[in-house]
Protein backbone atom coordinates (compact mmCIF):
# COMPACT_ATOMS: atom_id res chain seq x y z
CA MET A 1 -12.12 0.81 36.45
CA LYS A 2 -9.94 1.00 33.42
CA ALA A 3 -11.73 0.33 29.77
CA LYS A 4 -11.76 -2.90 28.44
CA THR A 5 -13.07 -1.88 24.92
CA PHE A 6 -12.35 0.86 22.56
CA GLY A 7 -15.56 1.97 22.59
CA GLU A 8 -15.09 2.29 26.71
CA LEU A 9 -11.66 3.99 26.10
CA LYS A 10 -13.86 6.47 23.93
CA LYS A 11 -16.26 7.24 26.69
CA SER A 12 -14.10 7.28 29.47
CA GLY A 13 -12.51 10.59 27.74
CA TYR A 14 -8.73 9.52 27.26
CA LYS A 15 -6.42 11.68 25.56
CA THR A 16 -3.60 9.53 24.12
CA LYS A 17 -0.10 11.56 23.62
CA SER A 18 3.20 10.60 22.24
CA ILE A 19 5.81 9.21 24.62
CA LYS A 20 7.93 12.62 24.24
CA GLU A 21 4.65 14.37 25.33
CA GLU A 22 4.22 12.47 28.28
CA LEU A 23 7.48 12.85 29.48
CA ARG A 24 7.79 16.28 29.01
CA ASP A 25 4.53 16.60 31.36
CA ASN A 26 5.16 14.60 33.31
CA LEU A 27 8.68 16.30 34.09
CA MET A 28 7.13 19.71 34.23
CA GLU A 29 4.74 18.38 37.24
CA ALA A 30 7.29 17.05 38.89
CA LEU A 31 10.15 20.44 38.90
CA LYS A 32 6.07 22.32 39.97
CA SER A 33 5.29 20.06 43.38
CA GLY A 34 9.80 19.58 44.09
CA LYS A 35 9.71 16.05 43.20
CA GLN A 36 13.05 14.70 42.12
CA PRO A 37 12.88 12.39 39.29
CA PHE A 38 16.03 10.84 39.08
CA GLU A 39 16.84 9.97 42.53
CA GLY A 40 19.93 7.88 43.67
CA ILE A 41 21.91 9.98 41.12
CA HIS A 42 24.76 11.66 43.09
CA GLY A 43 26.45 14.62 41.59
CA TYR A 44 25.11 15.52 38.36
CA GLU A 45 22.90 17.58 40.19
CA ASN A 46 24.51 20.80 38.12
CA THR A 47 25.64 19.37 35.28
CA VAL A 48 24.39 16.27 33.51
CA ILE A 49 20.74 16.15 35.04
CA PRO A 50 19.51 19.91 33.99
CA GLU A 51 20.63 18.84 30.31
CA LEU A 52 19.02 15.93 30.54
CA GLU A 53 15.76 17.87 31.52
CA ARG A 54 16.59 20.45 28.97
CA ALA A 55 16.75 17.77 26.16
CA ILE A 56 13.15 16.32 27.83
CA LEU A 57 11.48 19.13 28.07
CA SER A 58 12.67 19.95 24.39
CA LYS A 59 11.41 16.49 23.23
CA HIS A 60 14.61 15.19 22.00
CA ASN A 61 15.90 12.15 21.72
CA ILE A 62 19.54 11.88 23.97
CA ASN A 63 23.10 10.57 23.38
CA LEU A 64 24.90 10.18 26.54
CA LEU A 65 28.35 10.68 25.92
CA GLY A 66 30.93 9.60 28.42
CA LEU A 67 33.43 7.04 30.07
CA ARG A 68 32.30 3.46 31.50
CA GLY A 69 30.75 3.86 35.01
CA GLN A 70 29.40 7.29 34.42
CA ALA A 71 25.74 6.31 35.25
CA LYS A 72 24.73 6.38 31.56
CA THR A 73 22.18 3.97 31.27
CA ARG A 74 21.09 4.04 35.21
CA LEU A 75 19.65 7.52 34.20
CA ALA A 76 17.93 6.33 30.97
CA ARG A 77 16.37 3.82 33.34
CA LEU A 78 15.18 6.31 35.14
CA MET A 79 13.28 8.13 32.42
CA VAL A 80 10.81 5.46 32.95
CA ASN A 81 9.06 7.13 36.30
CA LEU A 82 8.16 9.78 34.09
CA LEU A 83 5.85 8.37 31.90
CA ASP A 84 2.24 7.76 32.48
CA GLU A 85 1.44 4.77 34.69
CA TRP A 86 -0.70 3.12 32.39
CA ILE A 87 -1.42 2.99 28.51
CA PRO A 88 -4.04 1.61 26.42
CA ILE A 89 -2.67 -0.86 23.79
CA VAL A 90 -4.39 -2.59 21.36
CA ALA A 91 -4.99 -6.20 22.62
CA GLY A 92 -2.56 -8.66 20.81
CA SER A 93 -0.55 -6.45 19.25
CA GLU A 94 3.12 -6.94 18.62
CA VAL A 95 3.79 -3.21 18.69
CA ASN A 96 1.96 -1.63 20.95
CA ASP A 97 -0.79 -0.20 18.86
CA ASP A 98 -2.42 2.78 20.25
CA PRO A 99 -5.91 1.99 19.13
CA PHE A 100 -6.73 5.32 17.73
CA ALA A 101 -3.93 5.65 15.87
CA PRO A 102 -3.06 1.73 14.79
CA LEU A 103 0.60 1.15 13.27
CA SER A 104 0.23 -2.22 12.29
CA ARG A 105 -1.91 -4.09 10.00
CA PHE A 106 -3.04 -6.73 12.46
CA ALA A 107 -4.23 -3.44 14.63
CA LYS A 108 -5.60 -1.69 11.68
CA ASP A 109 -7.88 -4.89 10.49
CA LEU A 110 -9.26 -5.57 14.08
CA ILE A 111 -10.44 -2.34 14.66
CA ALA A 112 -12.01 -2.24 11.09
CA GLU A 113 -13.92 -5.85 11.88
CA LYS A 114 -14.77 -5.02 15.70
CA GLY A 115 -15.08 -1.34 15.64
CA ASP A 116 -15.78 -0.40 19.13
CA ALA A 117 -15.94 -3.50 20.54
CA THR A 118 -11.85 -3.73 19.95
CA PRO A 119 -10.12 -5.26 22.91
CA ILE A 120 -7.88 -2.81 24.80
CA GLU A 121 -4.94 -3.91 27.30
CA TRP A 122 -3.41 -1.49 30.04
CA MET A 123 0.28 -1.32 29.70
CA HIS A 124 2.35 -0.51 32.69
CA ARG A 125 5.11 1.96 32.49
CA ASP A 126 8.02 -0.54 33.76
CA ASP A 127 7.27 -2.28 30.26
CA ARG A 128 8.02 0.41 28.33
CA PHE A 129 11.73 0.29 28.40
CA ALA A 130 13.73 -1.91 26.08
CA GLU A 131 17.64 -2.14 25.60
CA LYS A 132 19.86 -3.27 23.38
CA LEU A 133 23.79 -3.41 23.50
CA ALA A 134 25.37 -2.59 19.96
CA THR A 135 27.90 -5.11 19.05
CA PRO A 136 29.37 -6.05 15.33
CA ASP A 137 27.08 -8.65 14.86
CA VAL A 138 23.96 -6.64 15.26
CA THR A 139 21.77 -7.06 12.40
CA ILE A 140 18.92 -5.25 10.88
CA ALA A 141 16.78 -8.18 10.81
CA ASP A 142 17.59 -7.76 14.84
CA ILE A 143 16.40 -4.83 15.48
CA ILE A 144 14.11 -3.69 12.55
CA GLY A 145 12.84 -6.71 11.29
CA ASP A 146 12.41 -9.17 8.35
CA VAL A 147 10.17 -11.44 6.42
CA ASP A 148 8.95 -14.99 7.99
CA PRO A 149 9.22 -17.66 5.63
CA ILE A 150 7.29 -20.07 8.53
CA LYS A 151 4.24 -17.20 9.22
CA ALA A 152 4.13 -16.69 5.29
CA ALA A 153 3.62 -20.59 4.99
CA ASN A 154 1.32 -21.13 8.45
CA MET A 155 -0.49 -17.99 7.50
CA LYS A 156 -0.76 -19.28 3.90
CA LEU A 157 0.33 -15.63 2.29
CA SER A 158 2.74 -14.51 0.10
CA TYR A 159 6.15 -12.94 1.23
CA ALA A 160 4.41 -9.46 -0.77
CA ASP A 161 2.06 -9.34 2.02
CA GLU A 162 2.72 -7.14 5.13
CA SER A 163 1.58 -9.92 7.58
CA VAL A 164 4.58 -11.67 7.13
CA ILE A 165 7.01 -9.69 8.74
CA HIS A 166 8.42 -9.95 11.81
CA PHE A 167 8.94 -7.21 13.42
CA GLY A 168 12.32 -6.70 15.66
CA MET A 169 13.43 -5.15 18.84
CA ILE A 170 12.41 -1.20 17.53
CA PRO A 171 9.08 -1.47 16.00
CA ARG A 172 8.60 -4.01 18.84
CA ALA A 173 9.70 -0.92 21.34
CA ASN A 174 7.01 1.42 19.92
CA ARG A 175 5.46 3.90 22.22
CA CYS A 176 8.72 2.92 25.01
CA ILE A 177 11.90 3.71 25.66
CA PHE A 178 14.80 2.21 23.82
CA VAL A 179 18.36 2.21 24.59
CA ILE A 180 21.16 0.88 22.61
CA ASN A 181 24.57 1.00 24.48
CA GLU A 182 28.18 1.98 23.36
CA LEU A 183 26.17 3.32 19.88
CA PRO A 184 29.72 3.74 17.98
CA ASP A 185 30.00 -0.49 17.97
CA LEU A 186 26.76 -0.53 15.49
CA GLN A 187 27.41 -1.27 11.95
CA ALA A 188 27.25 2.12 9.68
CA ARG A 189 24.30 0.87 7.69
CA ILE A 190 22.72 -0.27 10.67
CA GLN A 191 22.95 3.56 12.14
CA VAL A 192 21.48 4.63 8.66
CA ALA A 193 18.48 2.45 9.11
CA LEU A 194 17.80 4.58 12.40
CA PHE A 195 18.31 7.49 11.52
CA ASN A 196 15.66 7.06 8.67
CA ILE A 197 13.22 5.72 11.75
CA LEU A 198 14.32 8.93 13.66
CA GLN A 199 14.25 11.58 10.42
CA GLU A 200 11.57 9.82 8.00
CA GLY A 201 9.44 7.66 10.16
CA ASP A 202 9.52 4.78 8.75
CA ILE A 203 11.01 1.12 8.52
CA GLN A 204 12.45 -0.99 5.43
CA ILE A 205 12.27 -4.36 5.39
CA ARG A 206 13.04 -6.58 2.57
CA GLY A 207 11.28 -4.20 -0.45
CA PHE A 208 8.45 -3.06 2.02
CA LYS A 209 8.23 0.54 2.21
CA LEU A 210 6.46 1.02 5.41
CA ARG A 211 5.24 4.46 6.30
CA PHE A 212 4.99 3.57 10.25
CA PRO A 213 5.19 6.21 12.62
CA LEU A 214 7.18 5.03 15.34
CA ASP A 215 6.62 6.52 18.83
CA ILE A 216 10.03 5.94 20.63
CA GLN A 217 12.47 8.20 22.68
CA PHE A 218 15.77 7.01 21.93
CA VAL A 219 18.32 7.38 24.32
CA PHE A 220 21.63 6.04 23.11
CA THR A 221 24.96 5.59 25.10
CA ALA A 222 28.55 6.07 23.96
CA ASN A 223 32.16 6.27 24.97
CA PRO A 224 33.98 9.10 23.62
CA GLU A 225 37.25 6.23 23.48
CA ASP A 226 34.89 4.80 20.81
CA TYR A 227 34.78 7.57 18.72
CA THR A 228 38.56 6.32 17.45
CA ASN A 229 39.20 2.44 18.55
CA ARG A 230 36.01 0.80 18.04
CA GLY A 231 33.27 2.77 15.45
CA SER A 232 32.26 6.14 15.58
CA ILE A 233 28.51 7.52 15.02
CA VAL A 234 27.90 8.10 11.50
CA THR A 235 27.23 11.78 10.54
CA PRO A 236 23.85 11.86 9.16
CA LEU A 237 22.66 9.87 12.81
CA LYS A 238 24.52 12.63 14.94
CA ASP A 239 23.30 15.20 13.21
CA ARG A 240 19.47 13.83 14.04
CA ILE A 241 20.03 13.15 18.21
CA GLY A 242 19.11 16.24 19.61
CA SER A 243 20.81 16.55 22.58
CA GLN A 244 23.89 15.25 23.13
CA ILE A 245 24.99 15.00 27.15
CA LEU A 246 28.35 15.13 28.43
CA THR A 247 28.67 12.82 31.77
CA HIS A 248 31.34 12.78 34.10
CA TYR A 249 33.10 11.10 37.64
CA PRO A 250 32.02 12.72 40.98
CA ASP A 251 33.87 15.79 41.71
CA THR A 252 34.81 15.46 45.46
CA ILE A 253 35.01 12.13 47.76
CA ARG A 254 32.36 13.05 49.60
CA THR A 255 29.71 12.60 46.65
CA ALA A 256 31.58 9.45 45.42
CA ARG A 257 31.40 7.83 48.88
CA THR A 258 27.31 8.80 49.05
CA ILE A 259 27.77 6.56 45.66
CA THR A 260 29.68 3.97 47.11
CA GLU A 261 27.44 3.62 49.86
CA GLN A 262 24.33 3.52 48.27
CA GLU A 263 25.14 0.76 45.41
CA ALA A 264 27.51 -1.54 47.70
CA LYS A 265 25.65 -4.51 48.24
CA LEU A 266 26.71 -6.42 52.15
CA VAL A 267 24.70 -8.04 53.85
CA SER A 268 23.03 -7.21 57.44
CA GLY A 269 25.70 -9.39 59.40
CA GLN A 270 28.24 -7.57 57.99
CA LYS A 271 26.40 -3.68 58.57
CA GLU A 272 25.99 -4.82 62.10
CA ASN A 273 29.46 -6.49 62.99
CA ILE A 274 31.74 -4.57 60.80
CA PHE A 275 32.79 -1.00 61.51
CA VAL A 276 34.18 0.93 58.40
CA PRO A 277 35.76 4.43 59.81
CA ASP A 278 35.40 7.57 57.89
CA LEU A 279 39.14 7.75 56.42
CA ALA A 280 38.76 3.86 55.53
CA MET A 281 36.00 5.02 53.19
CA ASP A 282 37.55 8.22 52.15
CA LEU A 283 40.61 6.21 51.23
CA ILE A 284 38.59 3.77 48.97
CA GLU A 285 37.44 6.70 47.04
CA GLN A 286 41.20 8.21 46.97
CA ILE A 287 42.19 5.29 45.17
CA GLY A 288 39.46 5.80 42.26
CA PHE A 289 40.81 9.34 42.30
CA GLU A 290 44.14 8.58 41.97
CA ALA A 291 43.38 5.72 39.31
CA ARG A 292 41.96 8.36 37.01
CA GLY A 293 45.57 10.45 37.23
CA SER A 294 47.84 7.72 37.32
CA GLU A 295 50.76 7.48 34.72
CA TYR A 296 50.02 3.61 34.30
CA ILE A 297 46.11 3.75 33.67
CA ASP A 298 44.85 4.91 30.14
CA SER A 299 43.18 7.65 30.93
CA LYS A 300 40.70 7.47 27.83
CA SER A 301 39.01 4.68 28.68
CA GLY A 302 38.40 5.93 32.68
CA VAL A 303 38.16 3.86 36.11
CA SER A 304 34.42 3.06 36.52
CA ALA A 305 32.80 3.84 39.98
CA ARG A 306 32.16 0.24 40.11
CA MET A 307 35.58 -0.16 41.11
CA SER A 308 35.08 1.89 44.24
CA ILE A 309 32.21 -0.26 45.34
CA SER A 310 33.78 -3.07 44.66
CA ALA A 311 36.69 -2.30 46.49
CA PHE A 312 35.00 -1.39 49.58
CA GLU A 313 33.03 -5.03 49.59
CA ASN A 314 36.44 -6.89 49.47
CA LEU A 315 37.35 -3.74 52.52
CA VAL A 316 34.93 -4.77 54.61
CA SER A 317 34.83 -8.53 53.40
CA ALA A 318 38.63 -8.76 54.55
CA ALA A 319 37.80 -7.35 58.06
CA GLU A 320 35.11 -9.84 58.44
CA LEU A 321 37.35 -12.95 57.14
CA ARG A 322 40.15 -11.85 59.78
CA ALA A 323 37.58 -11.34 61.90
CA LEU A 324 36.11 -14.87 61.86
CA LYS A 325 40.11 -16.72 61.83
CA ASN A 326 40.41 -15.14 64.91
CA GLY A 327 37.37 -16.16 66.76
CA GLN A 328 36.19 -12.40 66.90
CA SER A 329 32.05 -11.49 66.72
CA LYS A 330 32.67 -8.10 65.62
CA THR A 331 35.84 -5.71 64.56
CA SER A 332 36.56 -2.76 62.86
CA VAL A 333 38.56 -2.55 59.22
CA ARG A 334 42.00 -1.49 59.64
CA LEU A 335 44.85 -0.46 57.26
CA SER A 336 45.98 -4.23 56.54
CA ASP A 337 42.94 -4.68 55.53
CA PHE A 338 43.93 -2.92 52.23
CA THR A 339 45.72 -5.51 50.73
CA GLY A 340 42.42 -7.54 50.06
CA ILE A 341 40.99 -5.01 48.00
CA ILE A 342 43.89 -5.38 45.16
CA PRO A 343 41.73 -8.01 43.15
CA ALA A 344 38.61 -5.33 42.95
CA LEU A 345 41.93 -2.87 41.64
CA THR A 346 43.31 -5.52 39.12
CA GLY A 347 40.13 -6.23 36.90
CA LYS A 348 38.91 -2.75 36.72
CA MET A 349 42.15 -0.90 35.07
CA GLU A 350 43.01 -0.74 31.48
CA LEU A 351 46.86 -0.51 31.73
CA VAL A 352 48.87 1.83 29.40
CA TYR A 353 52.20 -0.26 28.30
CA GLU A 354 54.37 1.05 31.38
CA GLY A 355 51.56 -0.72 33.14
CA GLU A 356 51.53 -3.70 31.73
CA GLN A 357 54.90 -3.65 32.04
CA GLU A 358 54.79 -3.15 35.39
CA GLY A 359 52.09 -5.50 36.52
CA SER A 360 48.44 -4.77 37.19
CA LYS A 361 49.18 -5.84 41.20
CA PHE A 362 52.38 -3.38 41.07
CA VAL A 363 49.92 -0.77 40.04
CA ALA A 364 46.92 -1.66 42.65
CA GLU A 365 49.82 -1.34 45.58
CA LYS A 366 51.27 1.67 44.08
CA LEU A 367 47.89 3.55 44.17
CA ILE A 368 46.73 2.11 47.60
CA GLY A 369 50.26 3.93 48.53
CA ALA A 370 49.62 7.06 46.65
CA ALA A 371 46.39 7.34 48.04
CA ILE A 372 47.73 7.02 52.08
CA LYS A 373 50.03 10.09 50.98
CA THR A 374 47.17 12.49 50.02
CA LEU A 375 45.03 11.62 52.87
CA PHE A 376 47.96 11.97 55.14
CA GLU A 377 49.15 15.21 53.64
CA SER A 378 45.19 16.58 54.41
CA TYR A 379 45.34 15.45 57.76
CA PHE A 380 48.82 16.60 58.50
CA PRO A 381 49.64 19.80 56.58
CA LYS A 382 52.34 21.17 58.62
CA VAL A 383 54.26 17.30 58.87
CA GLU A 384 54.44 17.49 55.05
CA SER A 385 55.85 21.56 55.25
CA TRP A 386 58.28 20.48 57.69
CA ARG A 387 59.38 17.17 55.79
CA ARG A 388 59.82 19.55 52.43
CA LYS A 389 61.49 22.10 54.14
CA ILE A 390 64.13 19.76 55.96
CA LYS A 391 64.47 18.15 51.93
CA GLN A 392 65.10 21.39 50.65
CA GLY A 393 67.86 22.38 53.37
CA HIS A 394 65.82 25.47 55.56
CA ILE A 395 66.03 23.24 58.20
CA ASN A 396 68.85 20.99 60.08
CA GLN A 397 67.49 17.75 60.91
């Protein structure tokens, strides 16, 4: 039975730990027992995951650097599995105060008043994840906090009183994993405020300088393209991020297929009534590989793994639609059904000037044709060898 008061918590022998210690200890236990803490992540077994594990063991804040659709946020969310299942907090605390080391004025006053009778609540690890997409309009008040005039009026307090502060997202994520996506899009002055939190452990709000040693595991994500196009990570902040880990796209069709089959959202009727040959699955993934090397597509922007997932869903739906119109209950995917995936391709490609001139539909059709040609050559290498010899005049037609 969980303790309900601070006194009961003390008697239970509970030992408080920082979030980075939790992650480190639980990762060590998982590795010793052979468990996979990052289940559902494929293609990173020998690259990204070992680097992420080293960063966790080093108790580092982490920056995941990679193109779109490379499971950066997914990795950060899976880190929640390495937290303790339950942690105690002071009941009613806005910033998840640890009863053994309270931060807020509210918690300090409550413990001073009630002592061992201070009420305790328990917070599950699923609630210890916070996420913010960095955009140019994000303010200091949003992520750190500001003076709340309504609170000051209701409590009849001066603006100089610490109790009138309204905490932002970061203080409210105390003892949690906090993810900031697309970090370069954050204004430089807010990035400066972040590195002050990382380095000094204090926050500054409207003249208040609070020694507020927040206990947070920061995970940042960034796209290399953003370093030049939309902004950059300020040098002092980059210097205070312990580990920068580069993500990547799947290296093989087999890995890409595993991801697509895992993530695609098919209804039970589609799974039962639409047969998808292995060749069709390989072709879907080959289109993604062709796109990443296409002269019509901006390689710096990348081609998300979501393109293959959406294309696969459209392919199955195209076969299903054909079967419904022909009065069939079951069918198999055909090559003609691949025209139905074009809408899934056109919206997920950043075209260069030449691609814009040709049009996204033309580029999509070109990619499908290139993928078919590549797979044909892999299945029938001798035919292509003879065709080349005929073209070169070594063999008479």
